[in-house]
PDB file of all heavy atoms in Angstrom:
ATOM      1  N   GLU A   1     181.300  71.775 111.772  1.00  0.00           N
ATOM      2  CA  GLU A   1     180.773  72.165 113.119  1.00  0.00           C
ATOM      3  C   GLU A   1     179.397  71.557 113.326  1.00  0.00           C
ATOM      4  O   GLU A   1     178.553  71.655 112.435  1.00  0.00           O
ATOM      5  CB  GLU A   1     180.686  73.729 113.071  1.00  0.00           C
ATOM      6  CG  GLU A   1     180.403  74.318 114.427  1.00  0.00           C
ATOM      7  CD  GLU A   1     181.653  74.528 115.243  1.00  0.00           C
ATOM      8  OE1 GLU A   1     182.762  74.775 114.748  1.00  0.00           O
ATOM      9  OE2 GLU A   1     181.564  74.445 116.499  1.00  0.00           O
ATOM     10  N   GLU A   2     179.228  70.909 114.418  1.00  0.00           N
ATOM     11  CA  GLU A   2     177.968  70.212 114.758  1.00  0.00           C
ATOM     12  C   GLU A   2     177.545  69.306 113.602  1.00  0.00           C
ATOM     13  O   GLU A   2     176.417  69.230 113.282  1.00  0.00           O
ATOM     14  CB  GLU A   2     176.862  71.235 115.063  1.00  0.00           C
ATOM     15  CG  GLU A   2     177.128  72.064 116.241  1.00  0.00           C
ATOM     16  CD  GLU A   2     176.092  73.152 116.524  1.00  0.00           C
ATOM     17  OE1 GLU A   2     175.013  73.143 115.861  1.00  0.00           O
ATOM     18  OE2 GLU A   2     176.304  73.980 117.430  1.00  0.00           O
ATOM     19  N   ASP A   3     178.548  68.593 113.108  1.00  0.00           N
ATOM     20  CA  ASP A   3     178.292  67.604 111.949  1.00  0.00           C
ATOM     21  C   ASP A   3     177.782  68.199 110.706  1.00  0.00           C
ATOM     22  O   ASP A   3     177.167  67.564 109.831  1.00  0.00           O
ATOM     23  CB  ASP A   3     177.403  66.444 112.412  1.00  0.00           C
ATOM     24  CG  ASP A   3     178.051  65.557 113.435  1.00  0.00           C
ATOM     25  OD1 ASP A   3     179.327  65.421 113.330  1.00  0.00           O
ATOM     26  OD2 ASP A   3     177.363  65.019 114.336  1.00  0.00           O
ATOM     27  N   LYS A   4     177.983  69.550 110.519  1.00  0.00           N
ATOM     28  CA  LYS A   4     177.526  70.246 109.301  1.00  0.00           C
ATOM     29  C   LYS A   4     178.754  71.009 108.768  1.00  0.00           C
ATOM     30  O   LYS A   4     179.632  71.468 109.528  1.00  0.00           O
ATOM     31  CB  LYS A   4     176.387  71.185 109.605  1.00  0.00           C
ATOM     32  CG  LYS A   4     175.115  70.506 110.018  1.00  0.00           C
ATOM     33  CD  LYS A   4     174.019  71.458 110.239  1.00  0.00           C
ATOM     34  CE  LYS A   4     172.725  70.693 110.580  1.00  0.00           C
ATOM     35  NZ  LYS A   4     172.475  70.468 111.985  1.00  0.00           N
ATOM     36  N   GLU A   5     178.793  71.147 107.448  1.00  0.00           N
ATOM     37  CA  GLU A   5     179.860  71.861 106.804  1.00  0.00           C
ATOM     38  C   GLU A   5     179.435  73.359 106.731  1.00  0.00           C
ATOM     39  O   GLU A   5     178.301  73.675 106.317  1.00  0.00           O
ATOM     40  CB  GLU A   5     180.150  71.342 105.396  1.00  0.00           C
ATOM     41  CG  GLU A   5     180.758  69.931 105.464  1.00  0.00           C
ATOM     42  CD  GLU A   5     181.087  69.394 104.070  1.00  0.00           C
ATOM     43  OE1 GLU A   5     180.412  69.711 103.117  1.00  0.00           O
ATOM     44  OE2 GLU A   5     182.063  68.661 103.984  1.00  0.00           O
ATOM     45  N   VAL A   6     180.389  74.228 107.045  1.00  0.00           N
ATOM     46  CA  VAL A   6     180.212  75.681 106.975  1.00  0.00           C
ATOM     47  C   VAL A   6     181.374  76.247 106.149  1.00  0.00           C
ATOM     48  O   VAL A   6     182.514  75.787 106.312  1.00  0.00           O
ATOM     49  CB  VAL A   6     180.150  76.274 108.381  1.00  0.00           C
ATOM     50  CG1 VAL A   6     180.169  77.791 108.306  1.00  0.00           C
ATOM     51  CG2 VAL A   6     178.978  75.808 109.163  1.00  0.00           C
ATOM     52  N   LEU A   7     181.052  77.193 105.280  1.00  0.00           N
ATOM     53  CA  LEU A   7     182.115  77.839 104.526  1.00  0.00           C
ATOM     54  C   LEU A   7     182.604  79.076 105.337  1.00  0.00           C
ATOM     55  O   LEU A   7     181.798  79.989 105.568  1.00  0.00           O
ATOM     56  CB  LEU A   7     181.630  78.282 103.109  1.00  0.00           C
ATOM     57  CG  LEU A   7     182.705  79.001 102.228  1.00  0.00           C
ATOM     58  CD1 LEU A   7     183.844  78.042 101.951  1.00  0.00           C
ATOM     59  CD2 LEU A   7     182.039  79.494 100.948  1.00  0.00           C
ATOM     60  N   LYS A   8     183.828  79.040 105.723  1.00  0.00           N
ATOM     61  CA  LYS A   8     184.422  80.186 106.497  1.00  0.00           C
ATOM     62  C   LYS A   8     185.237  81.003 105.521  1.00  0.00           C
ATOM     63  O   LYS A   8     186.183  80.504 104.848  1.00  0.00           O
ATOM     64  CB  LYS A   8     185.335  79.623 107.615  1.00  0.00           C
ATOM     65  CG  LYS A   8     186.088  80.688 108.374  1.00  0.00           C
ATOM     66  CD  LYS A   8     186.973  80.058 109.418  1.00  0.00           C
ATOM     67  CE  LYS A   8     187.720  81.100 110.196  1.00  0.00           C
ATOM     68  NZ  LYS A   8     188.643  80.431 111.209  1.00  0.00           N
ATOM     69  N   ILE A   9     184.897  82.287 105.369  1.00  0.00           N
ATOM     70  CA  ILE A   9     185.602  83.226 104.459  1.00  0.00           C
ATOM     71  C   ILE A   9     186.244  84.319 105.321  1.00  0.00           C
ATOM     72  O   ILE A   9     185.590  85.087 105.980  1.00  0.00           O
ATOM     73  CB  ILE A   9     184.633  83.812 103.402  1.00  0.00           C
ATOM     74  CG1 ILE A   9     183.838  82.732 102.664  1.00  0.00           C
ATOM     75  CG2 ILE A   9     185.445  84.693 102.481  1.00  0.00           C
ATOM     76  CD1 ILE A   9     182.812  83.232 101.813  1.00  0.00           C
ATOM     77  N   GLU A  10     187.575  84.372 105.296  1.00  0.00           N
ATOM     78  CA  GLU A  10     188.307  85.307 105.975  1.00  0.00           C
ATOM     79  C   GLU A  10     188.624  86.488 105.095  1.00  0.00           C
ATOM     80  O   GLU A  10     189.201  86.258 103.979  1.00  0.00           O
ATOM     81  CB  GLU A  10     189.638  84.758 106.541  1.00  0.00           C
ATOM     82  CG  GLU A  10     189.333  83.614 107.565  1.00  0.00           C
ATOM     83  CD  GLU A  10     190.587  82.923 107.985  1.00  0.00           C
ATOM     84  OE1 GLU A  10     191.295  83.494 108.922  1.00  0.00           O
ATOM     85  OE2 GLU A  10     190.880  81.851 107.409  1.00  0.00           O
ATOM     86  N   ILE A  11     188.210  87.698 105.450  1.00  0.00           N
ATOM     87  CA  ILE A  11     188.225  88.890 104.570  1.00  0.00           C
ATOM     88  C   ILE A  11     189.252  89.877 105.110  1.00  0.00           C
ATOM     89  O   ILE A  11     189.103  90.340 106.284  1.00  0.00           O
ATOM     90  CB  ILE A  11     186.887  89.479 104.420  1.00  0.00           C
ATOM     91  CG1 ILE A  11     185.868  88.440 103.983  1.00  0.00           C
ATOM     92  CG2 ILE A  11     186.820  90.699 103.534  1.00  0.00           C
ATOM     93  CD1 ILE A  11     184.478  88.549 104.646  1.00  0.00           C
ATOM     94  N   PRO A  12     190.244  90.248 104.302  1.00  0.00           N
ATOM     95  CA  PRO A  12     191.165  91.234 104.775  1.00  0.00           C
ATOM     96  C   PRO A  12     190.613  92.634 104.705  1.00  0.00           C
ATOM     97  O   PRO A  12     189.663  92.913 103.931  1.00  0.00           O
ATOM     98  CB  PRO A  12     192.398  91.073 103.800  1.00  0.00           C
ATOM     99  CG  PRO A  12     191.697  90.762 102.530  1.00  0.00           C
ATOM    100  CD  PRO A  12     190.577  89.838 102.933  1.00  0.00           C
ATOM    101  N   ILE A  13     191.206  93.559 105.503  1.00  0.00           N
ATOM    102  CA  ILE A  13     190.825  94.998 105.354  1.00  0.00           C
ATOM    103  C   ILE A  13     191.551  95.454 104.135  1.00  0.00           C
ATOM    104  O   ILE A  13     192.683  95.155 103.857  1.00  0.00           O
ATOM    105  CB  ILE A  13     191.160  95.808 106.593  1.00  0.00           C
ATOM    106  CG1 ILE A  13     190.594  97.223 106.526  1.00  0.00           C
ATOM    107  CG2 ILE A  13     192.653  95.783 106.904  1.00  0.00           C
ATOM    108  CD1 ILE A  13     190.702  97.964 107.809  1.00  0.00           C
ATOM    109  N   SER A  14     190.825  96.293 103.362  1.00  0.00           N
ATOM    110  CA  SER A  14     191.426  96.817 102.153  1.00  0.00           C
ATOM    111  C   SER A  14     192.204  98.097 102.415  1.00  0.00           C
ATOM    112  O   SER A  14     191.777  98.941 103.208  1.00  0.00           O
ATOM    113  CB  SER A  14     190.347  97.039 101.075  1.00  0.00           C
ATOM    114  OG  SER A  14     190.916  97.649  99.927  1.00  0.00           O
ATOM    115  N   ARG A  15     193.292  98.319 101.659  1.00  0.00           N
ATOM    116  CA  ARG A  15     194.004  99.585 101.770  1.00  0.00           C
ATOM    117  C   ARG A  15     193.457 100.684 100.833  1.00  0.00           C
ATOM    118  O   ARG A  15     193.779 101.798 100.966  1.00  0.00           O
ATOM    119  CB  ARG A  15     195.481  99.348 101.398  1.00  0.00           C
ATOM    120  CG  ARG A  15     196.180  98.481 102.382  1.00  0.00           C
ATOM    121  CD  ARG A  15     197.558  98.272 101.954  1.00  0.00           C
ATOM    122  NE  ARG A  15     198.207  97.361 102.982  1.00  0.00           N
ATOM    123  CZ  ARG A  15     199.501  97.182 103.031  1.00  0.00           C
ATOM    124  NH1 ARG A  15     200.324  97.709 102.167  1.00  0.00           N
ATOM    125  NH2 ARG A  15     199.979  96.250 103.896  1.00  0.00           N
ATOM    126  N   THR A  16     192.612 100.240  99.912  1.00  0.00           N
ATOM    127  CA  THR A  16     191.914 101.168  98.974  1.00  0.00           C
ATOM    128  C   THR A  16     190.488 100.844  99.028  1.00  0.00           C
ATOM    129  O   THR A  16     190.016  99.823  99.497  1.00  0.00           O
ATOM    130  CB  THR A  16     192.419 101.033  97.531  1.00  0.00           C
ATOM    131  OG1 THR A  16     192.112  99.697  97.059  1.00  0.00           O
ATOM    132  CG2 THR A  16     193.948 101.250  97.422  1.00  0.00           C
ATOM    133  N   VAL A  17     189.675 101.725  98.448  1.00  0.00           N
ATOM    134  CA  VAL A  17     188.219 101.499  98.331  1.00  0.00           C
ATOM    135  C   VAL A  17     188.017 100.414  97.273  1.00  0.00           C
ATOM    136  O   VAL A  17     188.524 100.421  96.159  1.00  0.00           O
ATOM    137  CB  VAL A  17     187.483 102.728  97.955  1.00  0.00           C
ATOM    138  CG1 VAL A  17     185.956 102.413  97.742  1.00  0.00           C
ATOM    139  CG2 VAL A  17     187.598 103.835  99.073  1.00  0.00           C
ATOM    140  N   VAL A  18     187.182  99.409  97.657  1.00  0.00           N
ATOM    141  CA  VAL A  18     186.887  98.274  96.757  1.00  0.00           C
ATOM    142  C   VAL A  18     185.429  98.404  96.371  1.00  0.00           C
ATOM    143  O   VAL A  18     184.599  98.846  97.121  1.00  0.00           O
ATOM    144  CB  VAL A  18     187.114  96.943  97.497  1.00  0.00           C
ATOM    145  CG1 VAL A  18     186.637  95.779  96.665  1.00  0.00           C
ATOM    146  CG2 VAL A  18     188.590  96.774  97.883  1.00  0.00           C
ATOM    147  N   SER A  19     185.110  98.014  95.136  1.00  0.00           N
ATOM    148  CA  SER A  19     183.742  97.937  94.628  1.00  0.00           C
ATOM    149  C   SER A  19     183.426  96.608  94.090  1.00  0.00           C
ATOM    150  O   SER A  19     184.360  95.811  93.812  1.00  0.00           O
ATOM    151  CB  SER A  19     183.453  99.057  93.603  1.00  0.00           C
ATOM    152  OG  SER A  19     184.155  98.752  92.422  1.00  0.00           O
ATOM    153  N   THR A  20     182.158  96.360  93.843  1.00  0.00           N
ATOM    154  CA  THR A  20     181.732  95.159  93.139  1.00  0.00           C
ATOM    155  C   THR A  20     182.121  95.440  91.651  1.00  0.00           C
ATOM    156  O   THR A  20     182.317  96.560  91.273  1.00  0.00           O
ATOM    157  CB  THR A  20     180.303  94.835  93.283  1.00  0.00           C
ATOM    158  OG1 THR A  20     179.556  95.888  92.651  1.00  0.00           O
ATOM    159  CG2 THR A  20     179.915  94.714  94.746  1.00  0.00           C
ATOM    160  N   SER A  21     182.115  94.400  90.874  1.00  0.00           N
ATOM    161  CA  SER A  21     182.448  94.607  89.451  1.00  0.00           C
ATOM    162  C   SER A  21     181.341  95.435  88.769  1.00  0.00           C
ATOM    163  O   SER A  21     181.534  96.014  87.694  1.00  0.00           O
ATOM    164  CB  SER A  21     182.603  93.248  88.705  1.00  0.00           C
ATOM    165  OG  SER A  21     181.446  92.474  88.842  1.00  0.00           O
ATOM    166  N   SER A  22     180.166  95.488  89.375  1.00  0.00           N
ATOM    167  CA  SER A  22     179.070  96.354  88.798  1.00  0.00           C
ATOM    168  C   SER A  22     179.220  97.832  89.322  1.00  0.00           C
ATOM    169  O   SER A  22     178.339  98.629  89.003  1.00  0.00           O
ATOM    170  CB  SER A  22     177.717  95.777  89.172  1.00  0.00           C
ATOM    171  OG  SER A  22     177.452  95.781  90.592  1.00  0.00           O
ATOM    172  N   GLY A  23     180.154  98.099  90.199  1.00  0.00           N
ATOM    173  CA  GLY A  23     180.391  99.436  90.613  1.00  0.00           C
ATOM    174  C   GLY A  23     179.839  99.844  91.984  1.00  0.00           C
ATOM    175  O   GLY A  23     179.932 100.986  92.383  1.00  0.00           O
ATOM    176  N   LYS A  24     179.265  98.919  92.707  1.00  0.00           N
ATOM    177  CA  LYS A  24     178.799  99.244  94.108  1.00  0.00           C
ATOM    178  C   LYS A  24     179.892  99.353  95.073  1.00  0.00           C
ATOM    179  O   LYS A  24     180.677  98.377  95.211  1.00  0.00           O
ATOM    180  CB  LYS A  24     177.756  98.151  94.553  1.00  0.00           C
ATOM    181  CG  LYS A  24     176.483  98.180  93.803  1.00  0.00           C
ATOM    182  CD  LYS A  24     175.535  97.191  94.439  1.00  0.00           C
ATOM    183  CE  LYS A  24     174.227  97.190  93.772  1.00  0.00           C
ATOM    184  NZ  LYS A  24     173.298  96.227  94.358  1.00  0.00           N
ATOM    185  N   MET A  25     179.950 100.456  95.790  1.00  0.00           N
ATOM    186  CA  MET A  25     180.912 100.677  96.854  1.00  0.00           C
ATOM    187  C   MET A  25     180.112 100.599  98.132  1.00  0.00           C
ATOM    188  O   MET A  25     179.261 101.408  98.426  1.00  0.00           O
ATOM    189  CB  MET A  25     181.632 102.013  96.708  1.00  0.00           C
ATOM    190  CG  MET A  25     182.544 102.070  95.549  1.00  0.00           C
ATOM    191  SD  MET A  25     183.337 103.670  95.438  1.00  0.00           S
ATOM    192  CE  MET A  25     182.976 104.074  93.752  1.00  0.00           C
ATOM    193  N   LEU A  26     180.430  99.657  98.974  1.00  0.00           N
ATOM    194  CA  LEU A  26     179.693  99.372 100.230  1.00  0.00           C
ATOM    195  C   LEU A  26     180.624  99.338 101.396  1.00  0.00           C
ATOM    196  O   LEU A  26     181.793  99.123 101.257  1.00  0.00           O
ATOM    197  CB  LEU A  26     178.930  98.017 100.063  1.00  0.00           C
ATOM    198  CG  LEU A  26     178.077  97.895  98.812  1.00  0.00           C
ATOM    199  CD1 LEU A  26     177.830  96.475  98.417  1.00  0.00           C
ATOM    200  CD2 LEU A  26     176.774  98.637  99.010  1.00  0.00           C
ATOM    201  N   ARG A  27     180.010  99.490 102.560  1.00  0.00           N
ATOM    202  CA  ARG A  27     180.733  99.338 103.852  1.00  0.00           C
ATOM    203  C   ARG A  27     179.753  98.797 104.871  1.00  0.00           C
ATOM    204  O   ARG A  27     178.527  98.770 104.625  1.00  0.00           O
ATOM    205  CB  ARG A  27     181.372 100.633 104.347  1.00  0.00           C
ATOM    206  CG  ARG A  27     180.352 101.674 104.725  1.00  0.00           C
ATOM    207  CD  ARG A  27     181.025 102.978 105.193  1.00  0.00           C
ATOM    208  NE  ARG A  27     180.047 104.053 105.378  1.00  0.00           N
ATOM    209  CZ  ARG A  27     179.434 104.231 106.559  1.00  0.00           C
ATOM    210  NH1 ARG A  27     179.701 103.461 107.626  1.00  0.00           N
ATOM    211  NH2 ARG A  27     178.596 105.275 106.692  1.00  0.00           N
TER     212      ARG A  27
END
């Protein structure tokens, strides 16, 4: 985009609560 590279990350909605591997549950 505009001669620059951008990383596009598409994130699904989770059916269960997800945490980081360190245990943080965020929203």
